[in-house]
PDB file of all heavy atoms in Angstrom:
ATOM      1  N   GLY A   1     112.398 -88.327  51.796  1.00  0.00           N
ATOM      2  CA  GLY A   1     112.152 -89.540  51.037  1.00  0.00           C
ATOM      3  C   GLY A   1     113.071 -89.629  49.837  1.00  0.00           C
ATOM      4  O   GLY A   1     113.926 -88.766  49.619  1.00  0.00           O
ATOM      5  N   GLY A   2     112.880 -90.688  49.066  1.00  0.00           N
ATOM      6  CA  GLY A   2     113.724 -90.886  47.893  1.00  0.00           C
ATOM      7  C   GLY A   2     113.170 -91.944  46.967  1.00  0.00           C
ATOM      8  O   GLY A   2     112.378 -92.796  47.368  1.00  0.00           O
ATOM      9  N   ILE A   3     113.593 -91.874  45.710  1.00  0.00           N
ATOM     10  CA  ILE A   3     113.197 -92.847  44.697  1.00  0.00           C
ATOM     11  C   ILE A   3     114.441 -93.248  43.909  1.00  0.00           C
ATOM     12  O   ILE A   3     115.185 -92.374  43.436  1.00  0.00           O
ATOM     13  CB  ILE A   3     112.154 -92.264  43.716  1.00  0.00           C
ATOM     14  CG1 ILE A   3     110.872 -91.852  44.461  1.00  0.00           C
ATOM     15  CG2 ILE A   3     111.823 -93.272  42.614  1.00  0.00           C
ATOM     16  CD1 ILE A   3     109.855 -91.141  43.578  1.00  0.00           C
ATOM     17  N   CYS A   4     114.669 -94.535  43.786  1.00  0.00           N
ATOM     18  CA  CYS A   4     115.697 -95.003  42.863  1.00  0.00           C
ATOM     19  C   CYS A   4     115.008 -95.645  41.672  1.00  0.00           C
ATOM     20  O   CYS A   4     114.209 -96.575  41.825  1.00  0.00           O
ATOM     21  CB  CYS A   4     116.634 -96.014  43.522  1.00  0.00           C
ATOM     22  SG  CYS A   4     118.078 -96.383  42.487  1.00  0.00           S
ATOM     23  N   VAL A   5     115.278 -95.121  40.493  1.00  0.00           N
ATOM     24  CA  VAL A   5     114.712 -95.677  39.265  1.00  0.00           C
ATOM     25  C   VAL A   5     115.585 -96.856  38.868  1.00  0.00           C
ATOM     26  O   VAL A   5     116.693 -96.694  38.351  1.00  0.00           O
ATOM     27  CB  VAL A   5     114.667 -94.615  38.150  1.00  0.00           C
ATOM     28  CG1 VAL A   5     114.172 -95.233  36.848  1.00  0.00           C
ATOM     29  CG2 VAL A   5     113.758 -93.462  38.568  1.00  0.00           C
ATOM     30  N   THR A   6     115.105 -98.060  39.169  1.00  0.00           N
ATOM     31  CA  THR A   6     115.880 -99.278  38.947  1.00  0.00           C
ATOM     32  C   THR A   6     114.937-100.469  38.844  1.00  0.00           C
ATOM     33  O   THR A   6     113.844-100.460  39.414  1.00  0.00           O
ATOM     34  CB  THR A   6     116.881 -99.521  40.092  1.00  0.00           C
ATOM     35  OG1 THR A   6     117.594-100.740  39.853  1.00  0.00           O
ATOM     36  CG2 THR A   6     116.170 -99.638  41.441  1.00  0.00           C
ATOM     37  N   ALA A   7     115.373-101.477  38.128  1.00  0.00           N
ATOM     38  CA  ALA A   7     114.658-102.751  38.115  1.00  0.00           C
ATOM     39  C   ALA A   7     115.520-103.833  38.746  1.00  0.00           C
ATOM     40  O   ALA A   7     115.338-105.020  38.475  1.00  0.00           O
ATOM     41  CB  ALA A   7     114.241-103.134  36.697  1.00  0.00           C
ATOM     42  N   SER A   8     116.495-103.407  39.561  1.00  0.00           N
ATOM     43  CA  SER A   8     117.316-104.316  40.352  1.00  0.00           C
ATOM     44  C   SER A   8     117.953-105.406  39.496  1.00  0.00           C
ATOM     45  O   SER A   8     118.721-105.122  38.593  1.00  0.00           O
ATOM     46  CB  SER A   8     116.473-104.909  41.490  1.00  0.00           C
ATOM     47  OG  SER A   8     117.251-105.679  42.357  1.00  0.00           O
ATOM     48  N   HIS A   9     117.588-106.663  39.778  1.00  0.00           N
ATOM     49  CA  HIS A   9     118.216-107.812  39.114  1.00  0.00           C
ATOM     50  C   HIS A   9     117.429-108.303  37.905  1.00  0.00           C
ATOM     51  O   HIS A   9     117.817-109.295  37.290  1.00  0.00           O
ATOM     52  CB  HIS A   9     118.348-108.960  40.116  1.00  0.00           C
ATOM     53  CG  HIS A   9     117.017-109.383  40.685  1.00  0.00           C
ATOM     54  ND1 HIS A   9     116.439-108.736  41.759  1.00  0.00           N
ATOM     55  CD2 HIS A   9     116.144-110.349  40.310  1.00  0.00           C
ATOM     56  CE1 HIS A   9     115.273-109.310  42.023  1.00  0.00           C
ATOM     57  NE2 HIS A   9     115.065-110.274  41.162  1.00  0.00           N
ATOM     58  N   ASN A  10     116.342-107.638  37.564  1.00  0.00           N
ATOM     59  CA  ASN A  10     115.496-108.134  36.477  1.00  0.00           C
ATOM     60  C   ASN A  10     116.183-108.026  35.115  1.00  0.00           C
ATOM     61  O   ASN A  10     117.122-107.256  34.939  1.00  0.00           O
ATOM     62  CB  ASN A  10     114.181-107.357  36.442  1.00  0.00           C
ATOM     63  CG  ASN A  10     113.214-107.813  37.504  1.00  0.00           C
ATOM     64  OD1 ASN A  10     113.468-107.654  38.690  1.00  0.00           O
ATOM     65  ND2 ASN A  10     112.100-108.383  37.099  1.00  0.00           N
ATOM     66  N   PRO A  11     115.687-108.784  34.121  1.00  0.00           N
ATOM     67  CA  PRO A  11     116.264-108.718  32.774  1.00  0.00           C
ATOM     68  C   PRO A  11     116.183-107.318  32.170  1.00  0.00           C
ATOM     69  O   PRO A  11     115.480-106.434  32.676  1.00  0.00           O
ATOM     70  CB  PRO A  11     115.410-109.720  31.990  1.00  0.00           C
ATOM     71  CG  PRO A  11     114.885-110.671  33.014  1.00  0.00           C
ATOM     72  CD  PRO A  11     114.664-109.828  34.240  1.00  0.00           C
ATOM     73  N   LYS A  12     116.872-107.145  31.045  1.00  0.00           N
ATOM     74  CA  LYS A  12     117.096-105.810  30.483  1.00  0.00           C
ATOM     75  C   LYS A  12     115.831-105.076  30.064  1.00  0.00           C
ATOM     76  O   LYS A  12     115.819-103.840  30.020  1.00  0.00           O
ATOM     77  CB  LYS A  12     118.032-105.920  29.278  1.00  0.00           C
ATOM     78  CG  LYS A  12     117.490-106.776  28.137  1.00  0.00           C
ATOM     79  CD  LYS A  12     118.521-106.932  27.041  1.00  0.00           C
ATOM     80  CE  LYS A  12     118.012-107.819  25.903  1.00  0.00           C
ATOM     81  NZ  LYS A  12     119.055-108.008  24.870  1.00  0.00           N
ATOM     82  N   GLU A  13     114.765-105.800  29.754  1.00  0.00           N
ATOM     83  CA  GLU A  13     113.555-105.122  29.274  1.00  0.00           C
ATOM     84  C   GLU A  13     112.756-104.472  30.415  1.00  0.00           C
ATOM     85  O   GLU A  13     111.770-103.775  30.157  1.00  0.00           O
ATOM     86  CB  GLU A  13     112.661-106.092  28.507  1.00  0.00           C
ATOM     87  CG  GLU A  13     112.227-107.319  29.276  1.00  0.00           C
ATOM     88  CD  GLU A  13     113.162-108.504  29.084  1.00  0.00           C
ATOM     89  OE1 GLU A  13     114.336-108.294  28.722  1.00  0.00           O
ATOM     90  OE2 GLU A  13     112.703-109.647  29.300  1.00  0.00           O
ATOM     91  N   TYR A  14     113.175-104.653  31.638  1.00  0.00           N
ATOM     92  CA  TYR A  14     112.418-104.134  32.788  1.00  0.00           C
ATOM     93  C   TYR A  14     112.873-102.736  33.203  1.00  0.00           C
ATOM     94  O   TYR A  14     114.008-102.347  32.993  1.00  0.00           O
ATOM     95  CB  TYR A  14     112.562-105.076  33.993  1.00  0.00           C
ATOM     96  CG  TYR A  14     111.636-106.269  33.925  1.00  0.00           C
ATOM     97  CD1 TYR A  14     111.967-107.375  33.143  1.00  0.00           C
ATOM     98  CD2 TYR A  14     110.447-106.300  34.646  1.00  0.00           C
ATOM     99  CE1 TYR A  14     111.122-108.474  33.064  1.00  0.00           C
ATOM    100  CE2 TYR A  14     109.604-107.402  34.584  1.00  0.00           C
ATOM    101  CZ  TYR A  14     109.941-108.476  33.791  1.00  0.00           C
ATOM    102  OH  TYR A  14     109.108-109.562  33.720  1.00  0.00           O
ATOM    103  N   THR A  15     111.932-102.017  33.810  1.00  0.00           N
ATOM    104  CA  THR A  15     112.219-100.779  34.513  1.00  0.00           C
ATOM    105  C   THR A  15     111.473-100.844  35.834  1.00  0.00           C
ATOM    106  O   THR A  15     110.711-101.779  36.093  1.00  0.00           O
ATOM    107  CB  THR A  15     111.789 -99.552  33.692  1.00  0.00           C
ATOM    108  OG1 THR A  15     112.230 -98.359  34.357  1.00  0.00           O
ATOM    109  CG2 THR A  15     110.273 -99.487  33.525  1.00  0.00           C
ATOM    110  N   GLY A  16     111.684 -99.854  36.699  1.00  0.00           N
ATOM    111  CA  GLY A  16     110.990 -99.892  37.975  1.00  0.00           C
ATOM    112  C   GLY A  16     111.481 -98.828  38.919  1.00  0.00           C
ATOM    113  O   GLY A  16     112.259 -97.930  38.543  1.00  0.00           O
ATOM    114  N   MET A  17     111.034 -98.914  40.174  1.00  0.00           N
ATOM    115  CA  MET A  17     111.412 -97.936  41.206  1.00  0.00           C
ATOM    116  C   MET A  17     111.419 -98.602  42.568  1.00  0.00           C
ATOM    117  O   MET A  17     110.565 -99.440  42.871  1.00  0.00           O
ATOM    118  CB  MET A  17     110.413 -96.770  41.251  1.00  0.00           C
ATOM    119  CG  MET A  17     110.288 -95.964  39.988  1.00  0.00           C
ATOM    120  SD  MET A  17     109.079 -94.641  40.232  1.00  0.00           S
ATOM    121  CE  MET A  17     108.865 -94.108  38.527  1.00  0.00           C
ATOM    122  N   LYS A  18     112.394 -98.191  43.394  1.00  0.00           N
ATOM    123  CA  LYS A  18     112.379 -98.495  44.815  1.00  0.00           C
ATOM    124  C   LYS A  18     112.166 -97.166  45.530  1.00  0.00           C
ATOM    125  O   LYS A  18     112.900 -96.199  45.288  1.00  0.00           O
ATOM    126  CB  LYS A  18     113.677 -99.160  45.250  1.00  0.00           C
ATOM    127  CG  LYS A  18     113.860-100.559  44.643  1.00  0.00           C
ATOM    128  CD  LYS A  18     115.128-101.233  45.124  1.00  0.00           C
ATOM    129  CE  LYS A  18     115.257-102.634  44.527  1.00  0.00           C
ATOM    130  NZ  LYS A  18     116.499-103.329  44.977  1.00  0.00           N
ATOM    131  N   ILE A  19     111.159 -97.123  46.374  1.00  0.00           N
ATOM    132  CA  ILE A  19     110.697 -95.867  46.963  1.00  0.00           C
ATOM    133  C   ILE A  19     110.807 -95.936  48.482  1.00  0.00           C
ATOM    134  O   ILE A  19     110.437 -96.942  49.095  1.00  0.00           O
ATOM    135  CB  ILE A  19     109.228 -95.589  46.552  1.00  0.00           C
ATOM    136  CG1 ILE A  19     109.087 -95.613  45.020  1.00  0.00           C
ATOM    137  CG2 ILE A  19     108.744 -94.268  47.128  1.00  0.00           C
ATOM    138  CD1 ILE A  19     107.651 -95.506  44.536  1.00  0.00           C
ATOM    139  N   VAL A  20     111.325 -94.866  49.079  1.00  0.00           N
ATOM    140  CA  VAL A  20     111.439 -94.813  50.533  1.00  0.00           C
ATOM    141  C   VAL A  20     110.919 -93.486  51.074  1.00  0.00           C
ATOM    142  O   VAL A  20     110.829 -92.494  50.347  1.00  0.00           O
ATOM    143  CB  VAL A  20     112.901 -95.010  51.016  1.00  0.00           C
ATOM    144  CG1 VAL A  20     113.387 -96.404  50.668  1.00  0.00           C
ATOM    145  CG2 VAL A  20     113.838 -93.957  50.420  1.00  0.00           C
ATOM    146  N   ARG A  21     110.587 -93.518  52.364  1.00  0.00           N
ATOM    147  CA  ARG A  21     110.185 -92.316  53.085  1.00  0.00           C
ATOM    148  C   ARG A  21     111.361 -91.803  53.906  1.00  0.00           C
ATOM    149  O   ARG A  21     112.478 -92.288  53.779  1.00  0.00           O
ATOM    150  CB  ARG A  21     109.001 -92.652  54.009  1.00  0.00           C
ATOM    151  CG  ARG A  21     107.714 -92.992  53.291  1.00  0.00           C
ATOM    152  CD  ARG A  21     106.633 -93.354  54.297  1.00  0.00           C
ATOM    153  NE  ARG A  21     106.852 -94.682  54.872  1.00  0.00           N
ATOM    154  CZ  ARG A  21     106.538 -95.011  56.109  1.00  0.00           C
ATOM    155  NH1 ARG A  21     106.024 -94.118  56.928  1.00  0.00           N
ATOM    156  NH2 ARG A  21     106.745 -96.238  56.556  1.00  0.00           N
ATOM    157  N   ARG A  22     111.103 -90.848  54.759  1.00  0.00           N
ATOM    158  CA  ARG A  22     112.136 -90.311  55.647  1.00  0.00           C
ATOM    159  C   ARG A  22     112.767 -91.444  56.463  1.00  0.00           C
ATOM    160  O   ARG A  22     112.090 -92.361  56.887  1.00  0.00           O
ATOM    161  CB  ARG A  22     111.528 -89.268  56.577  1.00  0.00           C
ATOM    162  CG  ARG A  22     112.565 -88.508  57.395  1.00  0.00           C
ATOM    163  CD  ARG A  22     111.949 -87.333  58.149  1.00  0.00           C
ATOM    164  NE  ARG A  22     112.988 -86.534  58.787  1.00  0.00           N
ATOM    165  CZ  ARG A  22     113.687 -85.589  58.184  1.00  0.00           C
ATOM    166  NH1 ARG A  22     113.421 -85.304  56.909  1.00  0.00           N
ATOM    167  NH2 ARG A  22     114.628 -84.919  58.813  1.00  0.00           N
ATOM    168  N   GLY A  23     114.073 -91.363  56.661  1.00  0.00           N
ATOM    169  CA  GLY A  23     114.768 -92.429  57.374  1.00  0.00           C
ATOM    170  C   GLY A  23     115.034 -93.642  56.508  1.00  0.00           C
ATOM    171  O   GLY A  23     115.432 -94.686  57.012  1.00  0.00           O
ATOM    172  N   ALA A  24     114.820 -93.528  55.216  1.00  0.00           N
ATOM    173  CA  ALA A  24     115.003 -94.623  54.253  1.00  0.00           C
ATOM    174  C   ALA A  24     114.066 -95.794  54.534  1.00  0.00           C
ATOM    175  O   ALA A  24     114.355 -96.932  54.175  1.00  0.00           O
ATOM    176  CB  ALA A  24     116.459 -95.096  54.224  1.00  0.00           C
ATOM    177  N   LEU A  25     112.919 -95.513  55.150  1.00  0.00           N
ATOM    178  CA  LEU A  25     111.917 -96.554  55.373  1.00  0.00           C
ATOM    179  C   LEU A  25     111.213 -96.871  54.057  1.00  0.00           C
ATOM    180  O   LEU A  25     110.769 -95.967  53.350  1.00  0.00           O
ATOM    181  CB  LEU A  25     110.891 -96.101  56.415  1.00  0.00           C
ATOM    182  CG  LEU A  25     111.260 -96.315  57.883  1.00  0.00           C
ATOM    183  CD1 LEU A  25     110.258 -95.585  58.777  1.00  0.00           C
ATOM    184  CD2 LEU A  25     111.265 -97.803  58.219  1.00  0.00           C
TER     185      LEU A  25
END
């Protein structure tokens, strides 16, 4: 699995995460 600590396209005050399992699901 994996986690990217990102808020993608959101404004600067945001934080967040995109989380995946095995196979990048």
